[in-house]
Amino acid sequence: MIKVNKLFKFLKKKGINFYSGVPDSVLKSTKTYLEKRKRWQHITAANEGSAIATCIGYFLSTSKLSCAYLQNSGLGNAINPIISIAHKKVYSIPILLMIGWRGSPGMKDEPQHLAKGAITIKLLKLLNIKFCILNNQNDFHKLGKLINFSKKNKVIVACLIRKNVLIGNNKEKINNTFKSDIKRAEFIKILLNEIGKKTKLISTTGYASRELYQLRKKHNLKKGRDFYVVGGMGHASMVALGSSLYTSKQVVCLDGDGSIIMHMGSLTSIGNFAKANYKHILLNNFSHESVGGQKTFSEKVDFAAIAKATGYKKYFYLNKKENMKKIIKKFFMSKGPNFLEVAIKTGSMKGLLRPKNLITVKKQFMVK
């Protein structure tokens, strides 16, 4: 195991003082350290490609090495700027990638993580990125050599960190800055009672999908059919759009603030192409809750103005239990594409399950 403060102390000695990335459950023990950095020393990026781009900009102003952190599932988002901007044959810009290695060989994990975990090293080799695997503090010498190589040759290098390797204190509570008495599970349960029997529900990765799955099992709620976007963070809304265009059934996207911000450009496509059957729900708690509770800064985003500007027909807002049924009914009765922002408290159901038998889930969702 590696104590997170020891890792960052080592990186500081190697001259790394700027970090940009997307929160990850494997790296969640980095939260306390990173969020205490000064605003110009740490940027929580909307997506992994943006994290790489920020590190590129940092180098252009300082000539110094920086660190981009991400889960290996997000490596695909990062490849474009890695190859087309930072690559040795383009602008030759050094960056250290700190990659949480979900689904690493021999580890028990979810299907989407196992699929990416099995090819992570192959991807790094294909990208010609030298890397090391950090298992304990004795591996810091390998990391040090890589950092020196990166500085000297102006190239990207990486370190891979498996689940449960980094340890630190992440027990502090997440403080919401808005007033809401709604829990995510409470809203989803009422939603499942209000939707039609043939409604299609597409939910984003993280706690939204897991609580939707668990509530159906716990309370035997059978209205509608679900498709859980267990991976591919940020893409649930466009999966819902593609589905909604070729069905007359009502299609509901159950989204999160971290997810919607990751690929916010999708809203312009939805506003322009979605039909009346498209309903977009944002569960907003200002945090990447399922991977450590890092801030999304969504409290500064005016989703009402964005929904209007991108072509949604109507915007609704909900932050009180007493108004839930009334607002949900209005939301569904209005012709879409419509947008409902639900301010929710942090916190999830106990003993939270993960969706299983995904092929069966897909087949049931596709039944006409």
Foldseek 3Di string as FASTA:
>chain_A
DEELVVVVVLVVVLPEQAEEEAFFQQCLQCQVVQVPRPPRRYYDDLAQLVRVVVQQVVCVVPVGEYEYEEELLRVVVNVCCQPAPCALVHPLAEYEYEYEQFLAPPDDDDPVSVVSNVCSVVVCVVSVAAEEEDQYPVCVVVVSVSSVVCSVRSHYHYYYYYHPRYDHDQPDDADFPDAFPAALLNLLLVVLVPFAQAEEEEEFADQNQLSNVVSCVVVVRRRHAYAYNNGDQLCRLVVQQVVQVPDPHAYEYEHELSRCSSCVVVLLVCQVRHWQRYEYEYAYRQAPQRNRGRGPPCVPPDVQVVNVVSHWPEEEEERYPVCSVVRSVVRRVGGTPYYYYYYHHDDHDPPGDDDPPNVVSVVVSPDD
